[in-house]
Amino acid sequence: MRGKDVVGEEGGSMAGRAGRQAIKSGASHLAPVVRSTGQAGGRLAFTVRMRADQYVYSAGSMQDSGGLRRGFVPRADGTEERTYGSASTGGFDAAEWSLRVAEHHGDVTEAMRAWLVESGRAVEDADIQYLEVRAWIPE
């Protein structure tokens, strides 16, 4: 976690992470971050780690991340971390993501995987190995 979780107030933020073990069980502890941020009218950003060959586009491509290589971390184990959304770009609408997560029965990892596939960013059988959710209420 990054500091105190104060997502209910203007300028507040919170974060949550899920590693391999938590992802296997659906990363359900991340759902309240998404839900409470959505209820507060907030925004979200995500960091996703998968094997490099499971991403459809190369890092920094216009289709994947608007031509920006920021938020891209290649790793020695053949995986890559990519960031989607940020405070500087406005992030994602948390209320919309709250509905998306609810459609996947509280499984934030599955909701993210579905979004990556639907948006053409990942292959159909993509396997997310790490997921981080950052949430904030714009000032």
Protein backbone atom coordinates (compact mmCIF):
# COMPACT_ATOMS: atom_id res chain seq x y z
CA MET A 1 0.00 0.00 0.00
CA ARG A 2 1.08 3.54 -0.66
CA GLY A 3 0.42 5.57 2.42
CA LYS A 4 -2.94 5.90 4.10
CA ASP A 5 -6.00 4.73 2.17
CA VAL A 6 -8.18 7.81 1.94
CA VAL A 7 -10.07 7.24 -1.28
CA GLY A 8 -13.31 8.68 0.11
CA GLU A 9 -12.11 12.29 0.03
CA GLU A 10 -10.98 14.64 -2.71
CA GLY A 11 -7.31 14.15 -3.44
CA GLY A 12 -7.30 10.82 -1.58
CA SER A 13 -5.76 7.64 -2.94
CA MET A 14 -5.30 3.94 -2.29
CA ALA A 15 -3.55 1.00 -3.95
CA GLY A 16 -3.51 -2.76 -3.87
CA ARG A 17 -1.32 -5.47 -5.39
CA ALA A 18 -1.83 -9.11 -6.24
CA GLY A 19 1.01 -11.54 -6.86
CA ARG A 20 0.87 -15.04 -8.32
CA GLN A 21 -0.83 -16.71 -5.35
CA ALA A 22 -3.55 -14.09 -4.91
CA ILE A 23 -4.24 -14.06 -8.65
CA LYS A 24 -4.92 -17.81 -8.61
CA SER A 25 -7.70 -17.17 -6.11
CA GLY A 26 -9.14 -14.24 -8.08
CA ALA A 27 -7.39 -11.31 -6.37
CA SER A 28 -10.67 -10.65 -4.59
CA HIS A 29 -8.94 -8.31 -2.12
CA LEU A 30 -8.59 -5.80 -4.98
CA ALA A 31 -12.33 -5.63 -5.66
CA PRO A 32 -13.06 -3.31 -2.68
CA VAL A 33 -10.42 -0.87 -3.98
CA VAL A 34 -12.21 -0.71 -7.33
CA ARG A 35 -15.71 -0.64 -5.80
CA SER A 36 -15.07 2.06 -3.19
CA THR A 37 -13.24 4.22 -5.72
CA GLY A 38 -16.15 3.86 -8.13
CA GLN A 39 -18.62 4.87 -5.42
CA ALA A 40 -16.50 7.94 -4.66
CA GLY A 41 -16.33 9.00 -8.34
CA GLY A 42 -12.64 8.22 -8.63
CA ARG A 43 -10.17 7.06 -11.24
CA LEU A 44 -7.99 3.96 -11.61
CA ALA A 45 -4.65 2.96 -13.11
CA PHE A 46 -3.27 -0.55 -13.46
CA THR A 47 0.10 -2.26 -13.75
CA VAL A 48 0.02 -5.70 -15.37
CA ARG A 49 2.80 -8.29 -15.67
CA MET A 50 2.59 -11.09 -18.24
CA ARG A 51 4.96 -13.02 -20.47
CA ALA A 52 6.15 -10.71 -23.25
CA ASP A 53 4.75 -12.97 -25.98
CA GLN A 54 1.24 -12.66 -24.54
CA TYR A 55 1.03 -8.96 -25.39
CA VAL A 56 -0.17 -8.37 -28.95
CA TYR A 57 1.69 -5.09 -29.49
CA SER A 58 5.25 -4.19 -28.68
CA ALA A 59 5.78 -1.92 -25.70
CA GLY A 60 5.28 1.72 -26.56
CA SER A 61 3.25 1.06 -29.70
CA MET A 62 0.46 3.48 -30.56
CA GLN A 63 -2.15 0.70 -30.21
CA ASP A 64 -1.02 -0.43 -26.76
CA SER A 65 -0.07 2.71 -24.91
CA GLY A 66 -0.35 5.69 -27.20
CA GLY A 67 3.28 5.52 -28.31
CA LEU A 68 4.63 5.99 -24.79
CA ARG A 69 7.20 3.60 -23.40
CA ARG A 70 6.56 4.87 -19.88
CA GLY A 71 5.27 2.27 -17.53
CA PHE A 72 7.08 -0.52 -19.41
CA VAL A 73 9.47 -2.77 -17.49
CA PRO A 74 11.11 -5.78 -19.21
CA ARG A 75 12.14 -8.47 -16.74
CA ALA A 76 14.83 -11.15 -16.84
CA ASP A 77 12.22 -13.94 -16.56
CA GLY A 78 10.69 -13.07 -19.95
CA THR A 79 7.78 -11.09 -18.53
CA GLU A 80 6.95 -7.42 -19.01
CA GLU A 81 5.17 -4.99 -16.74
CA ARG A 82 3.02 -2.43 -18.47
CA THR A 83 1.11 0.45 -16.97
CA TYR A 84 -2.35 1.42 -18.18
CA GLY A 85 -3.73 4.75 -17.03
CA SER A 86 -2.18 7.34 -14.74
CA ALA A 87 -3.10 10.53 -12.95
CA SER A 88 -1.42 12.52 -15.73
CA THR A 89 -3.56 10.85 -18.45
CA GLY A 90 -6.75 10.85 -16.37
CA GLY A 91 -6.84 7.11 -15.73
CA PHE A 92 -9.94 4.94 -16.06
CA ASP A 93 -13.42 5.60 -14.70
CA ALA A 94 -13.63 3.53 -11.50
CA ALA A 95 -17.44 3.26 -11.67
CA GLU A 96 -17.16 1.61 -15.10
CA TRP A 97 -14.46 -0.74 -13.79
CA SER A 98 -16.57 -1.54 -10.75
CA LEU A 99 -19.30 -2.82 -13.09
CA ARG A 100 -16.71 -4.72 -15.13
CA VAL A 101 -15.38 -6.41 -11.97
CA ALA A 102 -18.93 -7.24 -10.83
CA GLU A 103 -19.55 -8.91 -14.22
CA HIS A 104 -16.57 -11.15 -13.40
CA HIS A 105 -17.91 -11.99 -9.90
CA GLY A 106 -15.38 -9.81 -8.06
CA ASP A 107 -12.35 -11.20 -9.92
CA VAL A 108 -10.29 -8.11 -10.79
CA THR A 109 -7.65 -10.20 -12.57
CA GLU A 110 -10.21 -11.78 -14.89
CA ALA A 111 -11.79 -8.38 -15.56
CA MET A 112 -8.37 -7.00 -16.51
CA ARG A 113 -7.55 -10.02 -18.69
CA ALA A 114 -10.89 -9.66 -20.48
CA TRP A 115 -10.23 -5.94 -21.08
CA LEU A 116 -6.75 -6.63 -22.43
CA VAL A 117 -8.16 -9.24 -24.83
CA GLU A 118 -11.22 -7.14 -25.84
CA SER A 119 -9.04 -4.10 -26.52
CA GLY A 120 -6.66 -6.20 -28.62
CA ARG A 121 -3.73 -5.80 -26.26
CA ALA A 122 -3.32 -9.45 -25.19
CA VAL A 123 -3.76 -12.93 -26.63
CA GLU A 124 -6.90 -14.89 -25.73
CA ASP A 125 -5.19 -17.16 -23.18
CA ALA A 126 -3.12 -14.43 -21.51
CA ASP A 127 -1.89 -15.32 -18.04
CA ILE A 128 -1.53 -12.33 -15.72
CA GLN A 129 1.20 -12.95 -13.16
CA TYR A 130 1.02 -9.67 -11.23
CA LEU A 131 -1.59 -6.94 -10.99
CA GLU A 132 -1.53 -3.61 -9.22
CA VAL A 133 -4.48 -1.22 -8.92
CA ARG A 134 -3.95 2.43 -8.04
CA ALA A 135 -6.97 4.55 -7.19
CA TRP A 136 -7.50 8.25 -6.57
CA ILE A 137 -10.16 10.91 -6.31
CA PRO A 138 -9.33 13.87 -8.58
CA GLU A 139 -9.05 17.22 -6.84
